Protein backbone atom coordinates (compact mmCIF):
# COMPACT_ATOMS: atom_id res chain seq x y z
CA UNK A 1 5.91 -25.86 35.95
CA UNK A 2 5.89 -24.23 39.34
CA UNK A 3 7.12 -20.65 39.61
CA UNK A 4 5.45 -19.57 42.85
CA UNK A 5 3.78 -21.21 45.78
CA UNK A 6 2.12 -20.27 49.04
CA UNK A 7 3.37 -20.90 52.55
CA UNK A 8 0.78 -19.47 54.93
CA UNK A 9 0.30 -20.87 58.39
CA UNK A 10 -2.85 -19.07 59.56
CA UNK A 11 -5.32 -21.86 58.73
CA UNK A 12 -3.12 -24.93 58.43
CA UNK A 13 -1.86 -26.57 61.64
CA UNK A 14 0.79 -28.68 59.83
CA UNK A 15 2.26 -25.61 58.11
CA UNK A 16 2.08 -23.63 61.36
CA UNK A 17 4.17 -26.27 63.18
CA UNK A 18 6.80 -26.16 60.42
CA UNK A 19 6.90 -22.33 60.56
CA UNK A 20 7.29 -22.39 64.35
CA UNK A 21 10.16 -24.90 64.14
CA UNK A 22 11.94 -22.77 61.51
CA UNK A 23 11.46 -19.60 63.57
CA UNK A 24 13.02 -21.30 66.62
CA UNK A 25 15.98 -22.57 64.58
CA UNK A 26 16.78 -19.40 62.56
CA UNK A 27 16.76 -15.69 63.32
CA UNK A 28 13.59 -13.67 62.77
CA UNK A 29 14.66 -12.07 59.48
CA UNK A 30 15.90 -15.27 57.83
CA UNK A 31 12.70 -15.82 55.84
CA UNK A 32 9.23 -14.48 55.17
CA UNK A 33 6.08 -16.62 54.95
CA UNK A 34 3.45 -15.87 52.31
CA UNK A 35 3.94 -16.15 48.56
CA UNK A 36 7.29 -17.83 47.87
CA UNK A 37 9.19 -16.95 44.69
CA UNK A 38 12.45 -18.23 43.21
CA UNK A 39 15.65 -17.20 45.05
CA UNK A 40 13.77 -16.78 48.35
CA UNK A 41 14.58 -18.84 51.44
CA UNK A 42 11.76 -21.13 52.55
CA UNK A 43 11.19 -24.20 54.74
CA UNK A 44 11.81 -27.65 53.28
CA UNK A 45 11.62 -31.04 54.98
CA UNK A 46 14.74 -33.23 55.10
CA UNK A 47 15.37 -36.72 56.45
CA UNK A 48 17.87 -36.71 59.30
CA UNK A 49 18.96 -39.04 62.09
CA UNK A 50 16.32 -37.45 64.32
CA UNK A 51 13.53 -37.98 61.79
CA UNK A 52 11.99 -35.51 59.39
CA UNK A 53 13.28 -32.00 60.15
CA UNK A 54 12.43 -28.61 58.63
CA UNK A 55 15.37 -26.59 57.32
CA UNK A 56 15.62 -23.23 55.57
CA UNK A 57 16.97 -23.49 52.01
CA UNK A 58 17.05 -21.17 48.99
CA UNK A 59 14.76 -21.93 46.04
CA UNK A 60 16.79 -22.50 42.90
CA UNK A 61 20.08 -24.02 41.76
CA UNK A 62 22.51 -21.59 40.18
CA UNK A 63 23.28 -22.96 36.73
CA UNK A 64 25.52 -21.74 33.92
CA UNK A 65 22.58 -19.93 32.28
CA UNK A 66 20.78 -18.67 35.38
CA UNK A 67 18.53 -19.91 38.14
CA UNK A 68 17.01 -23.39 37.78
CA UNK A 69 13.87 -23.75 39.91
CA UNK A 70 12.36 -27.00 38.60
CA UNK A 71 13.56 -30.43 37.49
CA UNK A 72 11.60 -32.85 35.33
CA UNK A 73 10.70 -35.95 37.34
CA UNK A 74 10.87 -38.07 34.19
CA UNK A 75 14.55 -37.27 33.49
CA UNK A 76 16.07 -35.96 36.75
CA UNK A 77 17.77 -39.27 37.62
CA UNK A 78 19.70 -39.18 34.32
CA UNK A 79 20.72 -35.50 34.33
CA UNK A 80 24.20 -34.78 35.75
CA UNK A 81 22.88 -31.69 37.58
CA UNK A 82 20.25 -33.72 39.50
CA UNK A 83 21.50 -37.33 39.52
CA UNK A 84 23.19 -37.24 42.95
CA UNK A 85 20.27 -35.38 44.49
CA UNK A 86 17.76 -37.94 43.21
CA UNK A 87 19.86 -40.71 44.75
CA UNK A 88 20.71 -39.09 48.10
CA UNK A 89 19.34 -35.56 48.56
CA UNK A 90 15.58 -35.62 48.26
CA UNK A 91 13.46 -33.05 50.08
CA UNK A 92 9.82 -32.12 50.45
CA UNK A 93 8.55 -28.60 49.99
CA UNK A 94 5.60 -27.94 52.30
CA UNK A 95 3.03 -25.43 51.12
CA UNK A 96 -0.57 -24.41 51.42
CA UNK A 97 -0.85 -24.50 47.60
CA UNK A 98 0.93 -23.44 44.43
CA UNK A 99 0.18 -20.87 41.75
CA UNK A 100 0.02 -21.23 38.00
CA UNK A 101 -0.97 -18.86 35.21
CA UNK A 102 -2.96 -19.73 32.11
CA UNK A 103 -2.31 -18.38 28.60
CA UNK A 104 -4.38 -15.27 29.36
CA UNK A 105 -2.11 -14.61 32.40
CA UNK A 106 -4.89 -15.38 34.87
CA UNK A 107 -3.45 -16.62 38.15
CA UNK A 108 -4.84 -19.71 39.93
CA UNK A 109 -4.14 -21.30 43.29
CA UNK A 110 -4.04 -25.11 43.31
CA UNK A 111 -4.66 -26.97 46.57
CA UNK A 112 -5.16 -30.57 47.66
CA UNK A 113 -8.86 -31.25 48.39
CA UNK A 114 -9.60 -32.02 52.03
CA UNK A 115 -6.02 -31.25 53.12
CA UNK A 116 -4.59 -28.05 54.55
CA UNK A 117 -1.06 -28.79 53.39
CA UNK A 118 0.21 -29.60 49.92
CA UNK A 119 3.61 -31.33 49.76
CA UNK A 120 5.81 -31.14 46.66
CA UNK A 121 8.69 -33.53 45.93
CA UNK A 122 12.02 -31.78 45.55
CA UNK A 123 15.78 -32.15 45.41
CA UNK A 124 18.44 -30.22 47.29
CA UNK A 125 22.16 -29.57 47.09
CA UNK A 126 24.71 -26.91 48.00
CA UNK A 127 25.06 -24.58 45.01
CA UNK A 128 27.23 -21.47 44.93
CA UNK A 129 27.85 -22.00 48.65
CA UNK A 130 24.13 -22.03 49.54
CA UNK A 131 21.89 -24.96 50.46
CA UNK A 132 19.35 -24.83 47.63
CA UNK A 133 16.36 -26.79 46.35
CA UNK A 134 14.36 -27.37 43.19
CA UNK A 135 10.79 -28.59 42.79
CA UNK A 136 10.19 -31.71 40.72
CA UNK A 137 7.56 -31.34 38.01
CA UNK A 138 5.68 -33.89 35.96
CA UNK A 139 3.08 -34.04 33.22
CA UNK A 140 -0.13 -32.31 34.31
CA UNK A 141 -3.05 -34.44 35.40
CA UNK A 142 -6.67 -33.69 34.43
CA UNK A 143 -7.16 -31.16 37.24
CA UNK A 144 -4.26 -29.03 35.99
CA UNK A 145 -4.08 -29.63 32.24
CA UNK A 146 -6.37 -26.78 31.12
CA UNK A 147 -4.09 -24.23 32.84
CA UNK A 148 -0.61 -25.70 32.19
CA UNK A 149 0.95 -28.86 30.72
CA UNK A 150 3.31 -29.36 33.73
CA UNK A 151 2.70 -29.45 37.47
CA UNK A 152 4.65 -30.11 40.67
CA UNK A 153 5.08 -33.73 41.73
CA UNK A 154 2.57 -33.55 44.59
CA UNK A 155 2.92 -36.07 47.41
CA UNK A 156 0.28 -37.14 49.89
CA UNK A 157 1.10 -36.85 53.59
CA UNK A 158 1.67 -40.62 53.68
CA UNK A 159 4.21 -40.42 50.83
CA UNK A 160 6.45 -37.79 52.50
CA UNK A 161 8.53 -40.17 54.66
CA UNK A 162 9.06 -42.82 51.94
CA UNK A 163 10.07 -40.12 49.42
CA UNK A 164 12.69 -38.80 51.83
CA UNK A 165 14.10 -42.08 53.15
CA UNK A 166 13.46 -44.92 50.67
CA UNK A 167 15.30 -44.78 47.32
CA UNK A 168 13.15 -47.55 45.78
CA UNK A 169 9.92 -45.78 46.74
CA UNK A 170 11.34 -42.48 45.47
CA UNK A 171 11.97 -44.08 42.07
CA UNK A 172 8.33 -45.14 41.89
CA UNK A 173 7.10 -41.68 42.89
CA UNK A 174 9.06 -40.12 40.01
CA UNK A 175 6.78 -42.03 37.62
CA UNK A 176 3.44 -41.50 39.38
CA UNK A 177 0.53 -39.27 38.44
CA UNK A 178 -0.11 -36.73 41.21
CA UNK A 179 -3.49 -36.56 43.00
CA UNK A 180 -6.30 -34.42 41.61
CA UNK A 181 -6.24 -30.81 42.82
CA UNK A 182 -8.72 -27.99 43.37
CA UNK A 183 -8.30 -24.75 41.42
CA UNK A 184 -9.35 -21.28 42.61
CA UNK A 185 -8.78 -17.88 40.97
CA UNK A 186 -6.02 -15.83 42.60
CA UNK A 187 -6.62 -12.49 40.94
CA UNK A 188 -4.39 -10.10 42.89
CA UNK A 189 -1.30 -10.46 40.67
CA UNK A 190 -0.98 -11.16 36.96
CA UNK A 191 2.78 -11.01 36.34
CA UNK A 192 5.20 -13.88 36.89
CA UNK A 193 7.90 -12.02 38.86
């Protein structure tokens, strides 16, 4: 599961370039970097004729029973809500890490060792008139399992372009085990939202 993530550009050059591109493309009040929660607008990477481009989308698909923020990688291609997006509307959510809470409601930040940026596989669509995205999740690997049984489908930097542009590669990524992550306490907040 992924219910919050971090988009901070201060120490990560890749994230800073994405933030600068978004700020040039959209007005100053269109989004706010920092801790990203569901229903907020945030940068995502899309494949376009000019290459990989950052766009500002809203986190969460409006569904009949509320906001849907995640999709299971194992079943997304079969679900009517996500099927078209898996085939043609894949995105990447850039971050500097994501948060998860354990059973005692302790908050942790997960990052990719040796990398400033952490990329999460996602899907996008226009829902309720808004371009929106969801984060794909998968079974937790060993680095995540003691905190939660699900985790985002984390992509390496080299996997970003194939995920966006190659349907066959994307199908393989849906079945992969994400890389091992580092965990650090993030004690400032203990509630979910």
